[in-house]
Amino acid sequence: GGRLQMKLDLVRNLVVWVIPVIGLATTGCSEPVIEDSPEKVRPAVLLTLATTTDERTISFPAVIDAVSSSEMTFKVSGQISALPVTEGQVITSGTLVAQLDQEAFGNEVDAAQTQFDAAQDVFERAERLMA
């Protein structure tokens, strides 16, 4: 176990440090070698890659759930006419996230105004009769 590991460490140190140092020391002392032969030219290997229509797609059925979510409700009922945010979008306080159809509200306001006017007429008539 331990003795074999020490031998392996010694061999590794020899290979990593001693042999390269000896190689550098011996090459530094010799005179430079000048080659008289012309440099050999090796041809390059060229490959042409063709595009294929063989596209492989791997799909896995999954459901992704949000870490946090919020349930939203409106104070009144109606049809949603605008939804200016997208799923997963980060929003801040005060951001318009949905808008109800305004036509239904207009009709309800008109009906309420008509009821108010009728009640106002009844009140004024009763006030005149009591006077």
Protein backbone atom coordinates (compact mmCIF):
# COMPACT_ATOMS: atom_id res chain seq x y z
CA GLY A 1 0.00 0.00 0.00
CA GLY A 2 2.16 2.90 1.32
CA ARG A 3 5.47 1.63 -0.03
CA LEU A 4 4.06 1.15 -3.53
CA GLN A 5 2.62 4.67 -3.42
CA MET A 6 6.06 6.09 -2.48
CA LYS A 7 7.65 4.31 -5.46
CA LEU A 8 4.95 5.64 -7.80
CA ASP A 9 5.50 9.17 -6.48
CA LEU A 10 9.26 8.86 -7.05
CA VAL A 11 8.77 7.66 -10.63
CA ARG A 12 6.26 10.46 -11.30
CA ASN A 13 8.69 13.08 -9.96
CA LEU A 14 11.45 11.69 -12.17
CA VAL A 15 9.27 11.84 -15.24
CA VAL A 16 7.85 15.29 -14.48
CA TRP A 17 10.97 17.12 -13.22
CA VAL A 18 14.27 15.33 -13.72
CA ILE A 19 13.96 14.13 -17.32
CA PRO A 20 12.85 17.53 -18.75
CA VAL A 21 15.62 19.32 -16.81
CA ILE A 22 18.24 16.94 -18.24
CA GLY A 23 16.80 17.46 -21.72
CA LEU A 24 16.98 21.24 -21.39
CA ALA A 25 20.52 21.13 -20.01
CA THR A 26 21.87 18.98 -22.84
CA THR A 27 20.17 20.93 -25.63
CA GLY A 28 21.37 24.26 -24.28
CA CYS A 29 25.06 23.24 -24.56
CA SER A 30 25.13 22.08 -28.16
CA GLU A 31 25.56 24.25 -31.23
CA PRO A 32 22.49 25.05 -33.29
CA VAL A 33 21.73 22.60 -36.04
CA ILE A 34 21.30 24.17 -39.47
CA GLU A 35 19.40 22.06 -41.93
CA ASP A 36 20.34 22.34 -45.56
CA SER A 37 17.39 20.36 -46.82
CA PRO A 38 14.38 22.31 -48.08
CA GLU A 39 11.28 22.30 -45.90
CA LYS A 40 8.90 19.50 -46.77
CA VAL A 41 5.49 20.63 -47.92
CA ARG A 42 2.68 18.42 -46.79
CA PRO A 43 -0.67 18.61 -48.57
CA ALA A 44 -3.65 19.67 -46.48
CA VAL A 45 -6.59 17.35 -46.12
CA LEU A 46 -9.82 19.06 -47.09
CA LEU A 47 -13.22 17.81 -46.05
CA THR A 48 -16.54 19.08 -47.32
CA LEU A 49 -19.37 18.72 -44.86
CA ALA A 50 -22.82 18.46 -46.29
CA THR A 51 -25.95 19.59 -44.50
CA THR A 52 -28.54 16.96 -43.88
CA THR A 53 -32.23 17.17 -43.25
CA ASP A 54 -31.97 14.39 -40.70
CA GLU A 55 -32.87 16.37 -37.61
CA ARG A 56 -33.37 14.40 -34.47
CA THR A 57 -35.58 15.82 -31.79
CA ILE A 58 -35.99 14.32 -28.39
CA SER A 59 -38.97 15.47 -26.37
CA PHE A 60 -39.90 14.69 -22.81
CA PRO A 61 -43.39 15.26 -21.45
CA ALA A 62 -43.22 17.56 -18.44
CA VAL A 63 -45.10 20.16 -16.44
CA ILE A 64 -43.29 23.21 -15.11
CA ASP A 65 -44.78 24.90 -12.06
CA ALA A 66 -43.91 28.38 -10.85
CA VAL A 67 -42.10 28.74 -7.55
CA SER A 68 -44.68 31.28 -6.45
CA SER A 69 -47.98 32.35 -7.92
CA SER A 70 -50.88 34.66 -7.07
CA GLU A 71 -54.59 34.20 -7.54
CA MET A 72 -56.28 37.33 -8.86
CA THR A 73 -59.91 38.42 -8.75
CA PHE A 74 -61.80 41.53 -9.79
CA LYS A 75 -64.19 43.43 -7.52
CA VAL A 76 -66.83 43.27 -10.27
CA SER A 77 -67.64 40.71 -12.93
CA GLY A 78 -67.13 41.22 -16.65
CA GLN A 79 -65.25 40.17 -19.76
CA ILE A 80 -61.46 40.69 -19.88
CA SER A 81 -60.67 43.07 -22.75
CA ALA A 82 -56.90 43.47 -22.26
CA LEU A 83 -54.15 41.31 -20.78
CA PRO A 84 -50.94 43.34 -21.29
CA VAL A 85 -48.58 41.03 -19.37
CA THR A 86 -47.09 37.72 -20.41
CA GLU A 87 -46.72 34.57 -18.38
CA GLY A 88 -43.60 34.63 -16.23
CA GLN A 89 -43.15 38.41 -16.57
CA VAL A 90 -41.94 40.17 -13.43
CA ILE A 91 -44.29 43.00 -12.46
CA THR A 92 -44.19 45.74 -9.86
CA SER A 93 -46.90 47.24 -7.71
CA GLY A 94 -49.33 49.32 -9.74
CA THR A 95 -48.74 47.53 -13.05
CA LEU A 96 -51.89 46.93 -15.11
CA VAL A 97 -52.20 43.16 -15.48
CA ALA A 98 -55.77 42.84 -16.81
CA GLN A 99 -58.58 45.16 -17.87
CA LEU A 100 -62.29 44.47 -17.99
CA ASP A 101 -64.56 45.50 -20.87
CA GLN A 102 -65.65 49.11 -20.20
CA GLU A 103 -68.96 48.85 -22.12
CA ALA A 104 -70.58 46.77 -19.38
CA PHE A 105 -69.52 49.34 -16.78
CA GLY A 106 -70.94 52.15 -18.91
CA ASN A 107 -74.30 50.36 -19.06
CA GLU A 108 -74.28 49.82 -15.29
CA VAL A 109 -73.42 53.49 -14.67
CA ASP A 110 -76.26 54.58 -16.98
CA ALA A 111 -78.70 52.26 -15.14
CA ALA A 112 -77.53 53.57 -11.76
CA GLN A 113 -77.88 57.18 -12.96
CA THR A 114 -81.44 56.46 -14.14
CA GLN A 115 -82.31 54.95 -10.74
CA PHE A 116 -80.76 57.94 -8.98
CA ASP A 117 -82.69 60.41 -11.13
CA ALA A 118 -85.97 58.55 -10.44
CA ALA A 119 -85.26 58.48 -6.70
CA GLN A 120 -84.35 62.19 -6.80
CA ASP A 121 -87.70 62.96 -8.52
CA VAL A 122 -89.62 60.97 -5.89
CA PHE A 123 -87.74 62.73 -3.09
CA GLU A 124 -88.38 66.20 -4.54
CA ARG A 125 -92.10 65.42 -5.06
CA ALA A 126 -92.40 64.18 -1.47
CA GLU A 127 -90.60 67.27 -0.23
CA ARG A 128 -93.04 69.55 -2.13
CA LEU A 129 -96.04 67.67 -0.73
CA MET A 130 -94.78 68.03 2.84
CA ALA A 131 -94.14 71.69 2.50
